[in-house]
């Protein structure tokens, strides 16, 4: 049986709509509760950051995150679902690592800012991936994926913003 499955290609597999919807909701819940956690994290790193442009960028991300949570609420309403609490251990571990790296004793303000920027870029990369997956799943289920365009675009813009600040900072 294992040999038969290993010979199959993704195009040979058919996932039923019920499983696709379940997977979509699991990812939607993860990003929804992950964003809630990130609001607290962003507040913490904003208070640690020293560079004004970084503080402003983090505030922009906070505002965008609040907007994205509202957009996710709209998605839940549109598909007649409610958020279901889920484990967001992965994002919590990443933010804990970021926080510990940024406040580690002996780091200069410059080093702290560089670490903050590094982790913020990672977080935005994860968000971009989640929104891409959600868009693909929504399309496969027959939902409109356009309701995910704005949250996806915000994540891309924020990643670019942090990359630009990082480049300016380290050059």
N, C-alpha and C. Protein backbone atom coordinates (compact mmCIF):
# COMPACT_ATOMS: atom_id res chain seq x y z
N UNK A 1 0.83 -1.19 0.00
CA UNK A 1 0.00 0.00 0.00
C UNK A 1 0.86 1.25 0.00
N UNK A 2 1.90 1.28 0.82
CA UNK A 2 2.78 2.43 0.88
C UNK A 2 3.46 2.65 -0.46
N UNK A 3 3.88 1.56 -1.13
CA UNK A 3 4.53 1.68 -2.43
C UNK A 3 3.58 2.28 -3.45
N UNK A 4 2.28 1.92 -3.38
CA UNK A 4 1.30 2.47 -4.30
C UNK A 4 1.13 3.97 -4.07
N UNK A 5 1.07 4.38 -2.82
CA UNK A 5 0.89 5.80 -2.52
C UNK A 5 2.11 6.61 -2.92
N UNK A 6 3.30 6.05 -2.73
CA UNK A 6 4.51 6.79 -3.07
C UNK A 6 4.65 6.99 -4.57
N UNK A 7 4.02 6.14 -5.37
CA UNK A 7 4.09 6.26 -6.82
C UNK A 7 3.10 7.29 -7.36
N UNK A 8 2.14 7.67 -6.54
CA UNK A 8 1.13 8.64 -7.00
C UNK A 8 1.70 10.05 -7.05
N UNK A 9 1.20 10.79 -7.96
CA UNK A 9 1.54 12.20 -8.10
C UNK A 9 0.41 13.03 -7.49
N UNK A 10 0.68 14.27 -7.08
CA UNK A 10 -0.39 15.09 -6.51
C UNK A 10 -1.64 15.17 -7.39
N UNK A 11 -1.45 15.23 -8.70
CA UNK A 11 -2.61 15.31 -9.61
C UNK A 11 -3.46 14.04 -9.59
N UNK A 12 -2.86 12.92 -9.13
CA UNK A 12 -3.58 11.65 -9.06
C UNK A 12 -4.47 11.55 -7.82
N UNK A 13 -4.25 12.42 -6.86
CA UNK A 13 -4.99 12.37 -5.59
C UNK A 13 -6.19 13.31 -5.66
N UNK A 14 -7.29 12.87 -5.15
CA UNK A 14 -8.48 13.69 -5.07
C UNK A 14 -8.85 13.87 -3.60
N UNK A 15 -8.91 15.11 -3.16
CA UNK A 15 -9.30 15.41 -1.79
C UNK A 15 -10.74 15.89 -1.84
N UNK A 16 -11.58 15.28 -1.03
CA UNK A 16 -12.99 15.67 -1.09
C UNK A 16 -13.20 17.06 -0.47
N UNK A 17 -14.30 17.68 -0.84
CA UNK A 17 -14.59 19.05 -0.42
C UNK A 17 -14.68 19.20 1.10
N UNK A 18 -15.18 18.18 1.76
CA UNK A 18 -15.30 18.23 3.22
C UNK A 18 -13.92 18.36 3.86
N UNK A 19 -12.97 17.57 3.38
CA UNK A 19 -11.61 17.63 3.91
C UNK A 19 -10.94 18.96 3.55
N UNK A 20 -11.19 19.44 2.33
CA UNK A 20 -10.63 20.72 1.92
C UNK A 20 -11.16 21.85 2.81
N UNK A 21 -12.47 21.82 3.09
CA UNK A 21 -13.06 22.86 3.93
C UNK A 21 -12.49 22.78 5.35
N UNK A 22 -12.32 21.56 5.86
CA UNK A 22 -11.75 21.38 7.20
C UNK A 22 -10.33 21.94 7.23
N UNK A 23 -9.55 21.65 6.21
CA UNK A 23 -8.18 22.15 6.12
C UNK A 23 -8.16 23.66 6.01
N UNK A 24 -9.06 24.21 5.20
CA UNK A 24 -9.18 25.66 5.06
C UNK A 24 -9.47 26.30 6.42
N UNK A 25 -10.43 25.75 7.15
CA UNK A 25 -10.78 26.30 8.47
C UNK A 25 -9.63 26.18 9.46
N UNK A 26 -8.89 25.09 9.42
CA UNK A 26 -7.75 24.93 10.31
C UNK A 26 -6.70 26.01 10.04
N UNK A 27 -6.42 26.27 8.78
CA UNK A 27 -5.46 27.31 8.42
C UNK A 27 -6.00 28.70 8.77
N UNK A 28 -7.27 28.91 8.51
CA UNK A 28 -7.89 30.19 8.83
C UNK A 28 -7.83 30.44 10.34
N UNK A 29 -8.14 29.42 11.12
CA UNK A 29 -8.06 29.55 12.58
C UNK A 29 -6.63 29.83 13.04
N UNK A 30 -5.67 29.17 12.43
CA UNK A 30 -4.28 29.37 12.83
C UNK A 30 -3.85 30.81 12.57
N UNK A 31 -4.16 31.32 11.39
CA UNK A 31 -3.74 32.69 11.08
C UNK A 31 -4.52 33.69 11.92
N UNK A 32 -5.78 33.40 12.19
CA UNK A 32 -6.62 34.29 13.00
C UNK A 32 -6.06 34.41 14.43
N UNK A 33 -5.83 33.29 15.07
CA UNK A 33 -5.32 33.33 16.44
C UNK A 33 -3.84 33.68 16.48
N UNK A 34 -3.13 33.35 15.43
CA UNK A 34 -1.73 33.77 15.34
C UNK A 34 -1.63 35.28 15.28
N UNK A 35 -2.50 35.90 14.52
CA UNK A 35 -2.51 37.37 14.43
C UNK A 35 -2.87 38.00 15.77
N UNK A 36 -3.78 37.39 16.49
CA UNK A 36 -4.12 37.91 17.82
C UNK A 36 -2.87 37.90 18.71
N UNK A 37 -2.13 36.81 18.66
CA UNK A 37 -0.89 36.71 19.43
C UNK A 37 0.12 37.76 18.95
N UNK A 38 0.21 37.94 17.65
CA UNK A 38 1.19 38.87 17.10
C UNK A 38 0.94 40.31 17.54
N UNK A 39 -0.31 40.67 17.77
CA UNK A 39 -0.58 42.03 18.26
C UNK A 39 0.19 42.31 19.54
N UNK A 40 0.19 41.36 20.45
CA UNK A 40 0.92 41.52 21.71
C UNK A 40 2.43 41.55 21.46
N UNK A 41 2.88 40.67 20.59
CA UNK A 41 4.31 40.63 20.26
C UNK A 41 4.77 41.94 19.64
N UNK A 42 4.01 42.44 18.68
CA UNK A 42 4.39 43.70 18.02
C UNK A 42 4.49 44.84 19.02
N UNK A 43 3.56 44.90 19.97
CA UNK A 43 3.63 45.92 21.01
C UNK A 43 4.93 45.80 21.81
N UNK A 44 5.29 44.56 22.15
CA UNK A 44 6.52 44.33 22.92
C UNK A 44 7.76 44.78 22.15
N UNK A 45 7.88 44.35 20.89
CA UNK A 45 9.10 44.70 20.15
C UNK A 45 9.13 46.18 19.79
N UNK A 46 7.98 46.79 19.66
CA UNK A 46 7.95 48.24 19.40
C UNK A 46 8.56 48.98 20.58
N UNK A 47 8.29 48.49 21.79
CA UNK A 47 8.86 49.16 22.98
C UNK A 47 10.36 48.91 23.10
N UNK A 48 10.87 47.85 22.49
CA UNK A 48 12.30 47.53 22.54
C UNK A 48 13.06 48.27 21.44
N UNK A 49 12.41 48.44 20.28
CA UNK A 49 13.07 49.06 19.12
C UNK A 49 13.53 50.48 19.46
N UNK A 50 14.65 50.87 18.88
CA UNK A 50 15.19 52.21 19.12
C UNK A 50 15.07 53.11 17.89
N UNK A 51 15.15 52.57 16.73
CA UNK A 51 15.11 53.35 15.50
C UNK A 51 13.67 53.81 15.25
N UNK A 52 13.49 55.12 15.07
CA UNK A 52 12.14 55.67 14.89
C UNK A 52 11.42 55.09 13.68
N UNK A 53 12.14 54.90 12.57
CA UNK A 53 11.49 54.35 11.38
C UNK A 53 11.02 52.92 11.65
N UNK A 54 11.74 52.19 12.48
CA UNK A 54 11.33 50.83 12.84
C UNK A 54 10.10 50.88 13.74
N UNK A 55 10.08 51.78 14.70
CA UNK A 55 8.91 51.93 15.56
C UNK A 55 7.67 52.27 14.72
N UNK A 56 7.84 53.18 13.76
CA UNK A 56 6.73 53.56 12.88
C UNK A 56 6.27 52.39 12.03
N UNK A 57 7.21 51.61 11.52
CA UNK A 57 6.87 50.44 10.70
C UNK A 57 6.13 49.40 11.54
N UNK A 58 6.56 49.21 12.77
CA UNK A 58 5.88 48.25 13.64
C UNK A 58 4.47 48.74 13.94
N UNK A 59 4.31 50.06 14.15
CA UNK A 59 2.96 50.58 14.38
C UNK A 59 2.08 50.37 13.15
N UNK A 60 2.67 50.53 11.98
CA UNK A 60 1.92 50.28 10.74
C UNK A 60 1.47 48.81 10.68
N UNK A 61 2.36 47.91 11.08
CA UNK A 61 2.03 46.49 11.08
C UNK A 61 0.94 46.20 12.12
N UNK A 62 1.00 46.87 13.26
CA UNK A 62 -0.05 46.71 14.27
C UNK A 62 -1.39 47.12 13.67
N UNK A 63 -1.42 48.29 13.03
CA UNK A 63 -2.66 48.76 12.40
C UNK A 63 -3.13 47.80 11.32
N UNK A 64 -2.20 47.30 10.51
CA UNK A 64 -2.55 46.34 9.46
C UNK A 64 -3.08 45.04 10.06
N UNK A 65 -2.49 44.62 11.16
CA UNK A 65 -2.92 43.38 11.81
C UNK A 65 -4.35 43.51 12.32
N UNK A 66 -4.66 44.65 12.91
CA UNK A 66 -6.04 44.89 13.37
C UNK A 66 -6.99 44.84 12.17
N UNK A 67 -6.58 45.45 11.07
CA UNK A 67 -7.38 45.43 9.85
C UNK A 67 -7.54 44.00 9.32
N UNK A 68 -6.45 43.24 9.31
CA UNK A 68 -6.50 41.86 8.81
C UNK A 68 -7.41 41.00 9.68
N UNK A 69 -7.38 41.19 10.99
CA UNK A 69 -8.26 40.43 11.88
C UNK A 69 -9.72 40.74 11.54
N UNK A 70 -10.02 42.01 11.28
CA UNK A 70 -11.37 42.39 10.86
C UNK A 70 -11.75 41.73 9.54
N UNK A 71 -10.82 41.66 8.62
CA UNK A 71 -11.08 41.01 7.33
C UNK A 71 -11.29 39.51 7.52
N UNK A 72 -10.55 38.92 8.43
CA UNK A 72 -10.74 37.50 8.71
C UNK A 72 -12.10 37.27 9.36
N UNK A 73 -12.52 38.18 10.24
CA UNK A 73 -13.87 38.10 10.81
C UNK A 73 -14.92 38.10 9.70
N UNK A 74 -14.71 38.95 8.69
CA UNK A 74 -15.64 39.01 7.56
C UNK A 74 -15.66 37.70 6.78
N UNK A 75 -14.51 37.06 6.67
CA UNK A 75 -14.44 35.77 5.98
C UNK A 75 -15.25 34.73 6.74
N UNK A 76 -15.07 34.70 8.06
CA UNK A 76 -15.86 33.75 8.87
C UNK A 76 -17.36 33.97 8.66
N UNK A 77 -17.77 35.23 8.64
CA UNK A 77 -19.20 35.53 8.42
C UNK A 77 -19.65 35.08 7.04
N UNK A 78 -18.81 35.33 6.04
CA UNK A 78 -19.18 34.99 4.66
C UNK A 78 -19.35 33.49 4.45
N UNK A 79 -18.63 32.69 5.22
CA UNK A 79 -18.73 31.23 5.05
C UNK A 79 -19.53 30.58 6.19
N UNK A 80 -20.20 31.42 6.96
CA UNK A 80 -21.05 30.95 8.07
C UNK A 80 -20.31 30.07 9.07
N UNK A 81 -19.15 30.52 9.47
CA UNK A 81 -18.33 29.81 10.45
C UNK A 81 -17.92 30.81 11.54
N UNK A 82 -17.43 30.27 12.64
CA UNK A 82 -16.88 31.11 13.71
C UNK A 82 -15.47 30.62 14.00
N UNK A 83 -14.62 31.53 14.48
CA UNK A 83 -13.26 31.12 14.80
C UNK A 83 -13.27 30.04 15.88
N UNK A 84 -12.43 29.04 15.70
CA UNK A 84 -12.28 27.97 16.69
C UNK A 84 -10.85 28.03 17.21
N UNK A 85 -10.73 28.16 18.51
CA UNK A 85 -9.41 28.26 19.14
C UNK A 85 -8.53 27.11 18.67
N UNK A 86 -7.30 27.43 18.34
CA UNK A 86 -6.37 26.43 17.84
C UNK A 86 -4.99 26.67 18.43
N UNK A 87 -4.16 25.70 18.31
CA UNK A 87 -2.79 25.78 18.79
C UNK A 87 -1.96 26.62 17.82
N UNK A 88 -1.33 27.64 18.33
CA UNK A 88 -0.45 28.47 17.51
C UNK A 88 0.97 28.41 18.06
N UNK A 89 1.35 27.23 18.48
CA UNK A 89 2.63 27.03 19.12
C UNK A 89 3.80 27.45 18.23
N UNK A 90 3.71 27.20 16.94
CA UNK A 90 4.80 27.55 16.02
C UNK A 90 5.09 29.03 16.02
N UNK A 91 4.07 29.84 15.87
CA UNK A 91 4.27 31.29 15.83
C UNK A 91 4.66 31.81 17.22
N UNK A 92 4.12 31.18 18.26
CA UNK A 92 4.49 31.59 19.62
C UNK A 92 5.95 31.28 19.90
N UNK A 93 6.43 30.15 19.43
CA UNK A 93 7.83 29.79 19.62
C UNK A 93 8.74 30.76 18.87
N UNK A 94 8.35 31.11 17.65
CA UNK A 94 9.15 32.05 16.86
C UNK A 94 9.20 33.41 17.54
N UNK A 95 8.07 33.88 18.04
CA UNK A 95 8.06 35.20 18.68
C UNK A 95 8.81 35.18 20.00
N UNK A 96 8.76 34.07 20.72
CA UNK A 96 9.53 33.95 21.95
C UNK A 96 11.03 33.98 21.64
N UNK A 97 11.42 33.25 20.62
CA UNK A 97 12.82 33.27 20.20
C UNK A 97 13.23 34.68 19.81
N UNK A 98 12.38 35.38 19.07
CA UNK A 98 12.68 36.75 18.66
C UNK A 98 12.83 37.67 19.87
N UNK A 99 11.91 37.55 20.78
CA UNK A 99 11.93 38.39 21.97
C UNK A 99 13.20 38.14 22.78
N UNK A 100 13.54 36.88 22.98
CA UNK A 100 14.74 36.55 23.75
C UNK A 100 16.00 37.02 23.03
N UNK A 101 16.03 36.92 21.71
CA UNK A 101 17.19 37.38 20.94
C UNK A 101 17.33 38.89 21.00
N UNK A 102 16.20 39.59 20.99
CA UNK A 102 16.23 41.05 20.96
C UNK A 102 16.58 41.64 22.32
N UNK A 103 16.26 40.94 23.40
CA UNK A 103 16.53 41.53 24.71
C UNK A 103 17.72 40.89 25.42
N UNK A 104 18.36 39.97 24.76
CA UNK A 104 19.49 39.27 25.36
C UNK A 104 20.49 40.27 25.92
N UNK A 105 20.94 40.00 27.11
CA UNK A 105 21.88 40.90 27.79
C UNK A 105 23.12 41.12 26.93
N UNK A 106 23.57 42.32 26.94
CA UNK A 106 24.79 42.65 26.23
C UNK A 106 24.59 43.10 24.79
N UNK A 107 23.38 43.07 24.30
CA UNK A 107 23.13 43.52 22.93
C UNK A 107 22.99 45.04 22.91
N UNK A 108 23.58 45.64 21.91
CA UNK A 108 23.44 47.08 21.74
C UNK A 108 22.06 47.37 21.13
N UNK A 109 21.60 48.62 21.20
CA UNK A 109 20.33 48.96 20.55
C UNK A 109 20.33 48.61 19.06
N UNK A 110 21.45 48.82 18.39
CA UNK A 110 21.55 48.47 16.97
C UNK A 110 21.35 46.97 16.77
N UNK A 111 21.99 46.16 17.58
CA UNK A 111 21.83 44.71 17.46
C UNK A 111 20.40 44.29 17.72
N UNK A 112 19.77 44.89 18.71
CA UNK A 112 18.37 44.57 19.01
C UNK A 112 17.48 44.89 17.83
N UNK A 113 17.68 46.06 17.23
CA UNK A 113 16.87 46.44 16.07
C UNK A 113 17.07 45.48 14.90
N UNK A 114 18.32 45.08 14.67
CA UNK A 114 18.60 44.15 13.57
C UNK A 114 17.91 42.81 13.81
N UNK A 115 17.94 42.33 15.06
CA UNK A 115 17.25 41.08 15.38
C UNK A 115 15.74 41.23 15.21
N UNK A 116 15.21 42.34 15.66
CA UNK A 116 13.77 42.58 15.51
C UNK A 116 13.39 42.54 14.03
N UNK A 117 14.16 43.24 13.21
CA UNK A 117 13.88 43.27 11.77
C UNK A 117 13.96 41.88 11.15
N UNK A 118 14.95 41.12 11.55
CA UNK A 118 15.11 39.76 11.04
C UNK A 118 13.87 38.92 11.34
N UNK A 119 13.41 38.96 12.58
CA UNK A 119 12.25 38.15 12.96
C UNK A 119 10.95 38.67 12.36
N UNK A 120 10.83 39.97 12.23
CA UNK A 120 9.61 40.52 11.61
C UNK A 120 9.52 40.08 10.15
N UNK A 121 10.65 40.00 9.46
CA UNK A 121 10.64 39.50 8.08
C UNK A 121 10.22 38.03 8.04
N UNK A 122 10.69 37.24 8.99
CA UNK A 122 10.30 35.83 9.05
C UNK A 122 8.80 35.70 9.28
N UNK A 123 8.28 36.47 10.20
CA UNK A 123 6.85 36.42 10.52
C UNK A 123 6.02 36.79 9.30
N UNK A 124 6.40 37.85 8.60
CA UNK A 124 5.65 38.24 7.40
C UNK A 124 5.74 37.16 6.33
N UNK A 125 6.89 36.50 6.21
CA UNK A 125 7.02 35.40 5.26
C UNK A 125 6.07 34.26 5.57
N UNK A 126 5.93 33.94 6.85
CA UNK A 126 4.99 32.90 7.27
C UNK A 126 3.56 33.33 6.94
N UNK A 127 3.23 34.58 7.21
CA UNK A 127 1.88 35.06 6.91
C UNK A 127 1.60 34.99 5.41
N UNK A 128 2.55 35.39 4.61
CA UNK A 128 2.37 35.33 3.15
C UNK A 128 2.07 33.89 2.73
N UNK A 129 2.82 32.95 3.26
CA UNK A 129 2.59 31.54 2.93
C UNK A 129 1.20 31.10 3.35
N UNK A 130 0.78 31.45 4.56
CA UNK A 130 -0.55 31.06 5.02
C UNK A 130 -1.64 31.65 4.13
N UNK A 131 -1.50 32.92 3.77
CA UNK A 131 -2.53 33.52 2.93
C UNK A 131 -2.54 32.90 1.53
N UNK A 132 -1.37 32.53 1.00
CA UNK A 132 -1.33 31.84 -0.30
C UNK A 132 -2.06 30.50 -0.20
N UNK A 133 -1.77 29.75 0.86
CA UNK A 133 -2.42 28.46 1.06
C UNK A 133 -3.93 28.66 1.18
N UNK A 134 -4.36 29.63 1.97
CA UNK A 134 -5.79 29.89 2.12
C UNK A 134 -6.44 30.26 0.80
N UNK A 135 -5.75 31.08 -0.01
CA UNK A 135 -6.30 31.45 -1.32
C UNK A 135 -6.48 30.22 -2.20
N UNK A 136 -5.48 29.34 -2.20
CA UNK A 136 -5.57 28.12 -3.02
C UNK A 136 -6.67 27.20 -2.52
N UNK A 137 -6.77 27.04 -1.20
CA UNK A 137 -7.83 26.20 -0.65
C UNK A 137 -9.21 26.79 -0.92
N UNK A 138 -9.34 28.10 -0.76
CA UNK A 138 -10.63 28.75 -1.03
C UNK A 138 -11.07 28.50 -2.47
N UNK A 139 -10.14 28.66 -3.37
CA UNK A 139 -10.44 28.43 -4.79
C UNK A 139 -10.86 26.98 -5.03
N UNK A 140 -10.16 26.03 -4.42
CA UNK A 140 -10.45 24.61 -4.59
C UNK A 140 -11.83 24.25 -4.05
N UNK A 141 -12.25 24.93 -2.98
CA UNK A 141 -13.56 24.64 -2.36
C UNK A 141 -14.70 25.31 -3.12
N UNK A 142 -14.36 26.37 -3.85
CA UNK A 142 -15.40 27.11 -4.55
C UNK A 142 -15.71 28.44 -3.87
N UNK A 143 -14.96 28.78 -2.83
CA UNK A 143 -15.09 30.10 -2.20
C UNK A 143 -14.36 31.11 -3.07
N UNK A 144 -14.76 32.33 -2.97
CA UNK A 144 -14.02 33.39 -3.63
C UNK A 144 -12.71 33.59 -2.88
N UNK A 145 -11.62 33.60 -3.60
CA UNK A 145 -10.33 33.84 -2.93
C UNK A 145 -10.02 35.33 -2.89
N UNK A 146 -10.86 36.14 -3.53
CA UNK A 146 -10.59 37.58 -3.58
C UNK A 146 -10.68 38.22 -2.19
N UNK A 147 -11.44 37.59 -1.27
CA UNK A 147 -11.52 38.17 0.06
C UNK A 147 -10.21 38.02 0.83
N UNK A 148 -9.29 37.25 0.29
CA UNK A 148 -7.98 37.10 0.92
C UNK A 148 -6.92 37.98 0.26
N UNK A 149 -7.30 38.68 -0.81
CA UNK A 149 -6.33 39.50 -1.53
C UNK A 149 -5.76 40.62 -0.66
N UNK A 150 -6.61 41.34 0.03
CA UNK A 150 -6.13 42.46 0.82
C UNK A 150 -5.24 42.02 1.99
N UNK A 151 -5.65 41.01 2.80
CA UNK A 151 -4.73 40.57 3.86
C UNK A 151 -3.40 40.07 3.31
N UNK A 152 -3.45 39.36 2.18
CA UNK A 152 -2.23 38.87 1.54
C UNK A 152 -1.35 40.04 1.10
N UNK A 153 -1.96 41.02 0.43
CA UNK A 153 -1.21 42.18 -0.05
C UNK A 153 -0.57 42.95 1.10
N UNK A 154 -1.29 43.09 2.22
CA UNK A 154 -0.71 43.77 3.39
C UNK A 154 0.51 43.03 3.93
N UNK A 155 0.43 41.71 3.97
CA UNK A 155 1.57 40.91 4.44
C UNK A 155 2.78 41.09 3.51
N UNK A 156 2.53 41.10 2.21
CA UNK A 156 3.62 41.31 1.24
C UNK A 156 4.22 42.70 1.42
N UNK A 157 3.37 43.71 1.52
CA UNK A 157 3.86 45.08 1.70
C UNK A 157 4.67 45.22 2.98
N UNK A 158 4.22 44.59 4.05
CA UNK A 158 4.95 44.69 5.32
C UNK A 158 6.29 43.99 5.24
N UNK A 159 6.34 42.85 4.57
CA UNK A 159 7.62 42.15 4.42
C UNK A 159 8.60 43.02 3.63
N UNK A 160 8.12 43.65 2.57
CA UNK A 160 8.97 44.53 1.77
C UNK A 160 9.44 45.72 2.61
N UNK A 161 8.54 46.28 3.41
CA UNK A 161 8.89 47.41 4.28
C UNK A 161 10.02 47.03 5.23
N UNK A 162 9.90 45.88 5.88
CA UNK A 162 10.94 45.45 6.82
C UNK A 162 12.24 45.12 6.10
N UNK A 163 12.15 44.56 4.89
CA UNK A 163 13.36 44.28 4.12
C UNK A 163 14.09 45.57 3.78
N UNK A 164 13.34 46.61 3.39
CA UNK A 164 13.95 47.89 3.05
C UNK A 164 14.62 48.54 4.26
N UNK A 165 13.95 48.51 5.38
CA UNK A 165 14.53 49.07 6.60
C UNK A 165 15.79 48.29 6.97
N UNK A 166 15.73 46.98 6.86
CA UNK A 166 16.87 46.11 7.18
C UNK A 166 18.05 46.47 6.28
N UNK A 167 17.79 46.59 4.98
CA UNK A 167 18.86 46.93 4.03
C UNK A 167 19.47 48.28 4.37
N UNK A 168 18.63 49.27 4.66
CA UNK A 168 19.12 50.59 5.01
C UNK A 168 19.93 50.56 6.30
N UNK A 169 19.48 49.76 7.23
CA UNK A 169 20.09 49.69 8.55
C UNK A 169 21.48 49.05 8.50
N UNK A 170 21.62 47.99 7.72
CA UNK A 170 22.89 47.26 7.75
C UNK A 170 23.87 47.72 6.67
N UNK A 171 23.44 48.65 5.81
CA UNK A 171 24.38 49.08 4.76
C UNK A 171 25.18 50.29 5.18
